[in-house]
Amino acid sequence: MIISTIPWDQPATMIDLDGKAPLIATVRDCVIHYGLFKPFAKEQARVLLTQPVHREGQKTRTWLLHPDEIQQLADKLRAEG
């Protein structure tokens, strides 16, 4: 699970495939913002990391988190309170 290695205070940029202005903040802020999105917007969201993480099954590390991974972070944030 790649999300366990991503620190909440890492700088990141939330982008979407719809062309809206990006959100430049921390991973935590991006995840909180993601939680406010409607389902369609969640499907379009991506988080660009400043430090790549290893993705299981890939030879190279990744800079981009997809909606399912952002949702895992949102679930983790909710569980942490």
PDB file of N, CA and C in Angstrom:
ATOM      1  N   MET A   1       0.853  -1.171   0.000  1.00  0.00           N
ATOM      2  CA  MET A   1       0.000   0.000   0.000  1.00  0.00           C
ATOM      3  C   MET A   1       0.909   1.247   0.000  1.00  0.00           C
ATOM      4  N   ILE A   2       0.839   2.019  -1.034  1.00  0.00           N
ATOM      5  CA  ILE A   2       1.746   3.163  -1.157  1.00  0.00           C
ATOM      6  C   ILE A   2       1.368   4.321  -0.245  1.00  0.00           C
ATOM      7  N   ILE A   3       0.124   4.403   0.141  1.00  0.00           N
ATOM      8  CA  ILE A   3      -0.297   5.576   0.912  1.00  0.00           C
ATOM      9  C   ILE A   3       0.321   5.620   2.300  1.00  0.00           C
ATOM     10  N   SER A   4       0.728   4.494   2.832  1.00  0.00           N
ATOM     11  CA  SER A   4       1.281   4.479   4.182  1.00  0.00           C
ATOM     12  C   SER A   4       2.628   5.188   4.260  1.00  0.00           C
ATOM     13  N   THR A   5       3.272   5.400   3.124  1.00  0.00           N
ATOM     14  CA  THR A   5       4.589   6.028   3.122  1.00  0.00           C
ATOM     15  C   THR A   5       4.537   7.514   2.782  1.00  0.00           C
ATOM     16  N   ILE A   6       3.364   8.049   2.541  1.00  0.00           N
ATOM     17  CA  ILE A   6       3.238   9.454   2.145  1.00  0.00           C
ATOM     18  C   ILE A   6       2.967  10.310   3.381  1.00  0.00           C
ATOM     19  N   PRO A   7       3.886  11.235   3.708  1.00  0.00           N
ATOM     20  CA  PRO A   7       3.651  12.096   4.869  1.00  0.00           C
ATOM     21  C   PRO A   7       2.573  13.147   4.580  1.00  0.00           C
ATOM     22  N   TRP A   8       1.770  13.443   5.586  1.00  0.00           N
ATOM     23  CA  TRP A   8       0.683  14.414   5.429  1.00  0.00           C
ATOM     24  C   TRP A   8       1.196  15.811   5.069  1.00  0.00           C
ATOM     25  N   ASP A   9       2.391  16.151   5.529  1.00  0.00           N
ATOM     26  CA  ASP A   9       2.882  17.516   5.299  1.00  0.00           C
ATOM     27  C   ASP A   9       3.712  17.667   4.023  1.00  0.00           C
ATOM     28  N   GLN A  10       3.772  16.619   3.195  1.00  0.00           N
ATOM     29  CA  GLN A  10       4.496  16.715   1.928  1.00  0.00           C
ATOM     30  C   GLN A  10       3.777  17.699   1.001  1.00  0.00           C
ATOM     31  N   PRO A  11       4.494  18.642   0.405  1.00  0.00           N
ATOM     32  CA  PRO A  11       3.867  19.527  -0.577  1.00  0.00           C
ATOM     33  C   PRO A  11       3.335  18.709  -1.756  1.00  0.00           C
ATOM     34  N   ALA A  12       2.172  19.108  -2.259  1.00  0.00           N
ATOM     35  CA  ALA A  12       1.538  18.394  -3.369  1.00  0.00           C
ATOM     36  C   ALA A  12       0.659  19.358  -4.155  1.00  0.00           C
ATOM     37  N   THR A  13       0.222  18.898  -5.312  1.00  0.00           N
ATOM     38  CA  THR A  13      -0.680  19.687  -6.142  1.00  0.00           C
ATOM     39  C   THR A  13      -1.837  18.810  -6.562  1.00  0.00           C
ATOM     40  N   MET A  14      -3.062  19.273  -6.275  1.00  0.00           N
ATOM     41  CA  MET A  14      -4.240  18.550  -6.729  1.00  0.00           C
ATOM     42  C   MET A  14      -4.656  19.134  -8.070  1.00  0.00           C
ATOM     43  N   ILE A  15      -4.784  18.250  -9.043  1.00  0.00           N
ATOM     44  CA  ILE A  15      -5.219  18.656 -10.374  1.00  0.00           C
ATOM     45  C   ILE A  15      -6.454  17.849 -10.742  1.00  0.00           C
ATOM     46  N   ASP A  16      -7.159  18.299 -11.761  1.00  0.00           N
ATOM     47  CA  ASP A  16      -8.266  17.497 -12.274  1.00  0.00           C
ATOM     48  C   ASP A  16      -8.172  17.446 -13.789  1.00  0.00           C
ATOM     49  N   LEU A  17      -8.872  16.519 -14.361  1.00  0.00           N
ATOM     50  CA  LEU A  17      -8.833  16.332 -15.806  1.00  0.00           C
ATOM     51  C   LEU A  17      -9.818  17.250 -16.509  1.00  0.00           C
ATOM     52  N   ASP A  18     -10.528  18.066 -15.727  1.00  0.00           N
ATOM     53  CA  ASP A  18     -11.540  18.971 -16.274  1.00  0.00           C
ATOM     54  C   ASP A  18     -10.968  20.361 -16.541  1.00  0.00           C
ATOM     55  N   GLY A  19      -9.725  20.608 -16.115  1.00  0.00           N
ATOM     56  CA  GLY A  19      -9.072  21.867 -16.423  1.00  0.00           C
ATOM     57  C   GLY A  19      -9.258  22.987 -15.409  1.00  0.00           C
ATOM     58  N   LYS A  20      -9.762  22.674 -14.232  1.00  0.00           N
ATOM     59  CA  LYS A  20      -9.904  23.707 -13.201  1.00  0.00           C
ATOM     60  C   LYS A  20      -8.524  24.063 -12.647  1.00  0.00           C
ATOM     61  N   ALA A  21      -8.444  25.192 -11.964  1.00  0.00           N
ATOM     62  CA  ALA A  21      -7.174  25.636 -11.379  1.00  0.00           C
ATOM     63  C   ALA A  21      -6.692  24.614 -10.357  1.00  0.00           C
ATOM     64  N   PRO A  22      -5.390  24.331 -10.319  1.00  0.00           N
ATOM     65  CA  PRO A  22      -4.861  23.361  -9.356  1.00  0.00           C
ATOM     66  C   PRO A  22      -4.843  23.924  -7.938  1.00  0.00           C
ATOM     67  N   LEU A  23      -4.823  23.028  -6.976  1.00  0.00           N
ATOM     68  CA  LEU A  23      -4.665  23.387  -5.571  1.00  0.00           C
ATOM     69  C   LEU A  23      -3.249  22.999  -5.171  1.00  0.00           C
ATOM     70  N   ILE A  24      -2.451  23.981  -4.798  1.00  0.00           N
ATOM     71  CA  ILE A  24      -1.085  23.724  -4.358  1.00  0.00           C
ATOM     72  C   ILE A  24      -1.083  23.834  -2.839  1.00  0.00           C
ATOM     73  N   ALA A  25      -0.826  22.711  -2.167  1.00  0.00           N
ATOM     74  CA  ALA A  25      -0.932  22.650  -0.710  1.00  0.00           C
ATOM     75  C   ALA A  25      -0.163  21.430  -0.215  1.00  0.00           C
ATOM     76  N   THR A  26      -0.512  20.949   0.970  1.00  0.00           N
ATOM     77  CA  THR A  26       0.063  19.712   1.486  1.00  0.00           C
ATOM     78  C   THR A  26      -0.828  18.539   1.063  1.00  0.00           C
ATOM     79  N   VAL A  27      -0.303  17.339   1.207  1.00  0.00           N
ATOM     80  CA  VAL A  27      -1.099  16.146   0.905  1.00  0.00           C
ATOM     81  C   VAL A  27      -2.368  16.159   1.746  1.00  0.00           C
ATOM     82  N   ARG A  28      -2.243  16.495   3.014  1.00  0.00           N
ATOM     83  CA  ARG A  28      -3.403  16.539   3.912  1.00  0.00           C
ATOM     84  C   ARG A  28      -4.468  17.502   3.391  1.00  0.00           C
ATOM     85  N   ASP A  29      -4.071  18.700   3.002  1.00  0.00           N
ATOM     86  CA  ASP A  29      -5.028  19.688   2.491  1.00  0.00           C
ATOM     87  C   ASP A  29      -5.678  19.214   1.195  1.00  0.00           C
ATOM     88  N   CYS A  30      -4.894  18.576   0.335  1.00  0.00           N
ATOM     89  CA  CYS A  30      -5.442  18.044  -0.911  1.00  0.00           C
ATOM     90  C   CYS A  30      -6.487  16.969  -0.629  1.00  0.00           C
ATOM     91  N   VAL A  31      -6.208  16.116   0.349  1.00  0.00           N
ATOM     92  CA  VAL A  31      -7.147  15.044   0.698  1.00  0.00           C
ATOM     93  C   VAL A  31      -8.424  15.630   1.303  1.00  0.00           C
ATOM     94  N   ILE A  32      -8.288  16.628   2.152  1.00  0.00           N
ATOM     95  CA  ILE A  32      -9.472  17.287   2.721  1.00  0.00           C
ATOM     96  C   ILE A  32     -10.301  17.915   1.597  1.00  0.00           C
ATOM     97  N   HIS A  33      -9.648  18.590   0.677  1.00  0.00           N
ATOM     98  CA  HIS A  33     -10.328  19.212  -0.462  1.00  0.00           C
ATOM     99  C   HIS A  33     -11.022  18.155  -1.317  1.00  0.00           C
ATOM    100  N   TYR A  34     -10.364  17.040  -1.530  1.00  0.00           N
ATOM    101  CA  TYR A  34     -10.925  15.925  -2.300  1.00  0.00           C
ATOM    102  C   TYR A  34     -12.237  15.443  -1.667  1.00  0.00           C
ATOM    103  N   GLY A  35     -12.276  15.412  -0.348  1.00  0.00           N
ATOM    104  CA  GLY A  35     -13.469  14.961   0.355  1.00  0.00           C
ATOM    105  C   GLY A  35     -14.686  15.835   0.112  1.00  0.00           C
ATOM    106  N   LEU A  36     -14.476  17.062  -0.325  1.00  0.00           N
ATOM    107  CA  LEU A  36     -15.576  17.987  -0.599  1.00  0.00           C
ATOM    108  C   LEU A  36     -16.134  17.844  -2.016  1.00  0.00           C
ATOM    109  N   PHE A  37     -15.421  17.126  -2.866  1.00  0.00           N
ATOM    110  CA  PHE A  37     -15.827  16.978  -4.263  1.00  0.00           C
ATOM    111  C   PHE A  37     -17.062  16.110  -4.411  1.00  0.00           C
ATOM    112  N   LYS A  38     -17.823  16.374  -5.466  1.00  0.00           N
ATOM    113  CA  LYS A  38     -18.926  15.502  -5.865  1.00  0.00           C
ATOM    114  C   LYS A  38     -18.319  14.293  -6.582  1.00  0.00           C
ATOM    115  N   PRO A  39     -19.064  13.194  -6.715  1.00  0.00           N
ATOM    116  CA  PRO A  39     -18.523  11.974  -7.317  1.00  0.00           C
ATOM    117  C   PRO A  39     -17.839  12.186  -8.678  1.00  0.00           C
ATOM    118  N   PHE A  40     -18.442  12.990  -9.562  1.00  0.00           N
ATOM    119  CA  PHE A  40     -17.832  13.213 -10.873  1.00  0.00           C
ATOM    120  C   PHE A  40     -16.472  13.884 -10.727  1.00  0.00           C
ATOM    121  N   ALA A  41     -16.386  14.875  -9.864  1.00  0.00           N
ATOM    122  CA  ALA A  41     -15.125  15.590  -9.656  1.00  0.00           C
ATOM    123  C   ALA A  41     -14.075  14.671  -9.031  1.00  0.00           C
ATOM    124  N   LYS A  42     -14.500  13.771  -8.140  1.00  0.00           N
ATOM    125  CA  LYS A  42     -13.560  12.822  -7.541  1.00  0.00           C
ATOM    126  C   LYS A  42     -12.930  11.930  -8.603  1.00  0.00           C
ATOM    127  N   GLU A  43     -13.717  11.528  -9.590  1.00  0.00           N
ATOM    128  CA  GLU A  43     -13.195  10.681 -10.659  1.00  0.00           C
ATOM    129  C   GLU A  43     -12.151  11.407 -11.499  1.00  0.00           C
ATOM    130  N   GLN A  44     -12.236  12.731 -11.545  1.00  0.00           N
ATOM    131  CA  GLN A  44     -11.324  13.534 -12.359  1.00  0.00           C
ATOM    132  C   GLN A  44     -10.074  13.978 -11.595  1.00  0.00           C
ATOM    133  N   ALA A  45     -10.057  13.793 -10.283  1.00  0.00           N
ATOM    134  CA  ALA A  45      -8.980  14.319  -9.434  1.00  0.00           C
ATOM    135  C   ALA A  45      -7.718  13.471  -9.505  1.00  0.00           C
ATOM    136  N   ARG A  46      -6.588  14.156  -9.414  1.00  0.00           N
ATOM    137  CA  ARG A  46      -5.279  13.523  -9.318  1.00  0.00           C
ATOM    138  C   ARG A  46      -4.435  14.361  -8.363  1.00  0.00           C
ATOM    139  N   VAL A  47      -3.513  13.731  -7.651  1.00  0.00           N
ATOM    140  CA  VAL A  47      -2.588  14.465  -6.785  1.00  0.00           C
ATOM    141  C   VAL A  47      -1.183  14.226  -7.307  1.00  0.00           C
ATOM    142  N   LEU A  48      -0.499  15.305  -7.582  1.00  0.00           N
ATOM    143  CA  LEU A  48       0.882  15.275  -8.033  1.00  0.00           C
ATOM    144  C   LEU A  48       1.770  15.473  -6.811  1.00  0.00           C
ATOM    145  N   LEU A  49       2.619  14.494  -6.531  1.00  0.00           N
ATOM    146  CA  LEU A  49       3.491  14.536  -5.350  1.00  0.00           C
ATOM    147  C   LEU A  49       4.802  15.252  -5.667  1.00  0.00           C
ATOM    148  N   THR A  50       5.470  15.725  -4.633  1.00  0.00           N
ATOM    149  CA  THR A  50       6.792  16.316  -4.820  1.00  0.00           C
ATOM    150  C   THR A  50       7.890  15.282  -4.610  1.00  0.00           C
ATOM    151  N   GLN A  51       7.531  14.159  -3.999  1.00  0.00           N
ATOM    152  CA  GLN A  51       8.467  13.037  -3.836  1.00  0.00           C
ATOM    153  C   GLN A  51       7.751  11.772  -4.299  1.00  0.00           C
ATOM    154  N   PRO A  52       8.330  11.077  -5.272  1.00  0.00           N
ATOM    155  CA  PRO A  52       7.652   9.888  -5.797  1.00  0.00           C
ATOM    156  C   PRO A  52       7.615   8.753  -4.778  1.00  0.00           C
ATOM    157  N   VAL A  53       6.638   7.884  -4.934  1.00  0.00           N
ATOM    158  CA  VAL A  53       6.493   6.716  -4.057  1.00  0.00           C
ATOM    159  C   VAL A  53       6.457   5.455  -4.913  1.00  0.00           C
ATOM    160  N   HIS A  54       6.812   4.336  -4.292  1.00  0.00           N
ATOM    161  CA  HIS A  54       6.803   3.052  -4.996  1.00  0.00           C
ATOM    162  C   HIS A  54       5.372   2.552  -5.114  1.00  0.00           C
ATOM    163  N   ARG A  55       5.017   2.110  -6.283  1.00  0.00           N
ATOM    164  CA  ARG A  55       3.702   1.505  -6.508  1.00  0.00           C
ATOM    165  C   ARG A  55       3.931   0.023  -6.766  1.00  0.00           C
ATOM    166  N   GLU A  56       3.263  -0.816  -6.012  1.00  0.00           N
ATOM    167  CA  GLU A  56       3.422  -2.257  -6.137  1.00  0.00           C
ATOM    168  C   GLU A  56       3.130  -2.709  -7.564  1.00  0.00           C
ATOM    169  N   GLY A  57       4.010  -3.554  -8.090  1.00  0.00           N
ATOM    170  CA  GLY A  57       3.829  -4.065  -9.430  1.00  0.00           C
ATOM    171  C   GLY A  57       4.463  -3.212 -10.517  1.00  0.00           C
ATOM    172  N   GLN A  58       5.072  -2.094 -10.139  1.00  0.00           N
ATOM    173  CA  GLN A  58       5.734  -1.207 -11.096  1.00  0.00           C
ATOM    174  C   GLN A  58       7.215  -1.148 -10.809  1.00  0.00           C
ATOM    175  N   LYS A  59       8.016  -1.064 -11.848  1.00  0.00           N
ATOM    176  CA  LYS A  59       9.462  -0.976 -11.673  1.00  0.00           C
ATOM    177  C   LYS A  59       9.895   0.409 -11.226  1.00  0.00           C
ATOM    178  N   THR A  60       9.167   1.421 -11.654  1.00  0.00           N
ATOM    179  CA  THR A  60       9.541   2.799 -11.319  1.00  0.00           C
ATOM    180  C   THR A  60       8.589   3.371 -10.278  1.00  0.00           C
ATOM    181  N   ARG A  61       9.050   4.411  -9.604  1.00  0.00           N
ATOM    182  CA  ARG A  61       8.205   5.082  -8.624  1.00  0.00           C
ATOM    183  C   ARG A  61       7.236   6.022  -9.345  1.00  0.00           C
ATOM    184  N   THR A  62       6.185   6.418  -8.662  1.00  0.00           N
ATOM    185  CA  THR A  62       5.163   7.249  -9.281  1.00  0.00           C
ATOM    186  C   THR A  62       5.068   8.616  -8.598  1.00  0.00           C
ATOM    187  N   TRP A  63       4.752   9.606  -9.380  1.00  0.00           N
ATOM    188  CA  TRP A  63       4.557  10.971  -8.881  1.00  0.00           C
ATOM    189  C   TRP A  63       3.076  11.309  -8.760  1.00  0.00           C
ATOM    190  N   LEU A  64       2.211  10.458  -9.288  1.00  0.00           N
ATOM    191  CA  LEU A  64       0.801  10.789  -9.430  1.00  0.00           C
ATOM    192  C   LEU A  64      -0.074   9.797  -8.680  1.00  0.00           C
ATOM    193  N   LEU A  65      -1.003  10.317  -7.896  1.00  0.00           N
ATOM    194  CA  LEU A  65      -1.977   9.475  -7.203  1.00  0.00           C
ATOM    195  C   LEU A  65      -3.308   9.555  -7.939  1.00  0.00           C
ATOM    196  N   HIS A  66      -3.937   8.413  -8.118  1.00  0.00           N
ATOM    197  CA  HIS A  66      -5.218   8.313  -8.809  1.00  0.00           C
ATOM    198  C   HIS A  66      -6.352   8.387  -7.781  1.00  0.00           C
ATOM    199  N   PRO A  67      -7.597   8.549  -8.246  1.00  0.00           N
ATOM    200  CA  PRO A  67      -8.723   8.710  -7.315  1.00  0.00           C
ATOM    201  C   PRO A  67      -8.844   7.623  -6.248  1.00  0.00           C
ATOM    202  N   ASP A  68      -8.623   6.360  -6.609  1.00  0.00           N
ATOM    203  CA  ASP A  68      -8.744   5.296  -5.607  1.00  0.00           C
ATOM    204  C   ASP A  68      -7.690   5.439  -4.513  1.00  0.00           C
ATOM    205  N   GLU A  69      -6.508   5.918  -4.871  1.00  0.00           N
ATOM    206  CA  GLU A  69      -5.447   6.120  -3.886  1.00  0.00           C
ATOM    207  C   GLU A  69      -5.724   7.349  -3.023  1.00  0.00           C
ATOM    208  N   ILE A  70      -6.283   8.384  -3.637  1.00  0.00           N
ATOM    209  CA  ILE A  70      -6.663   9.577  -2.862  1.00  0.00           C
ATOM    210  C   ILE A  70      -7.765   9.205  -1.875  1.00  0.00           C
ATOM    211  N   GLN A  71      -8.698   8.350  -2.314  1.00  0.00           N
ATOM    212  CA  GLN A  71      -9.768   7.899  -1.431  1.00  0.00           C
ATOM    213  C   GLN A  71      -9.212   7.096  -0.256  1.00  0.00           C
ATOM    214  N   GLN A  72      -8.175   6.290  -0.500  1.00  0.00           N
ATOM    215  CA  GLN A  72      -7.541   5.551   0.596  1.00  0.00           C
ATOM    216  C   GLN A  72      -6.947   6.523   1.615  1.00  0.00           C
ATOM    217  N   LEU A  73      -6.343   7.589   1.115  1.00  0.00           N
ATOM    218  CA  LEU A  73      -5.806   8.607   2.024  1.00  0.00           C
ATOM    219  C   LEU A  73      -6.924   9.295   2.796  1.00  0.00           C
ATOM    220  N   ALA A  74      -8.043   9.566   2.119  1.00  0.00           N
ATOM    221  CA  ALA A  74      -9.195  10.190   2.791  1.00  0.00           C
ATOM    222  C   ALA A  74      -9.726   9.268   3.894  1.00  0.00           C
ATOM    223  N   ASP A  75      -9.792   7.976   3.601  1.00  0.00           N
ATOM    224  CA  ASP A  75     -10.250   7.009   4.605  1.00  0.00           C
ATOM    225  C   ASP A  75      -9.272   6.969   5.786  1.00  0.00           C
ATOM    226  N   LYS A  76      -7.981   7.005   5.497  1.00  0.00           N
ATOM    227  CA  LYS A  76      -6.965   7.004   6.553  1.00  0.00           C
ATOM    228  C   LYS A  76      -7.075   8.257   7.419  1.00  0.00           C
ATOM    229  N   LEU A  77      -7.283   9.405   6.764  1.00  0.00           N
ATOM    230  CA  LEU A  77      -7.421  10.663   7.502  1.00  0.00           C
ATOM    231  C   LEU A  77      -8.656  10.618   8.405  1.00  0.00           C
ATOM    232  N   ARG A  78      -9.745  10.103   7.897  1.00  0.00           N
ATOM    233  CA  ARG A  78     -10.974   9.996   8.676  1.00  0.00           C
ATOM    234  C   ARG A  78     -10.769   9.062   9.866  1.00  0.00           C
ATOM    235  N   ALA A  79     -10.061   7.958   9.672  1.00  0.00           N
ATOM    236  CA  ALA A  79      -9.803   6.992  10.745  1.00  0.00           C
ATOM    237  C   ALA A  79      -8.905   7.578  11.835  1.00  0.00           C
ATOM    238  N   GLU A  80      -7.978   8.464  11.423  1.00  0.00           N
ATOM    239  CA  GLU A  80      -7.088   9.100  12.385  1.00  0.00           C
ATOM    240  C   GLU A  80      -7.778  10.186  13.191  1.00  0.00           C
ATOM    241  N   GLY A  81      -8.950  10.597  12.705  1.00  0.00           N
ATOM    242  CA  GLY A  81      -9.725  11.606  13.438  1.00  0.00           C
ATOM    243  C   GLY A  81      -9.287  12.961  13.102  1.00  0.00           C
TER     244      GLY A  81
END
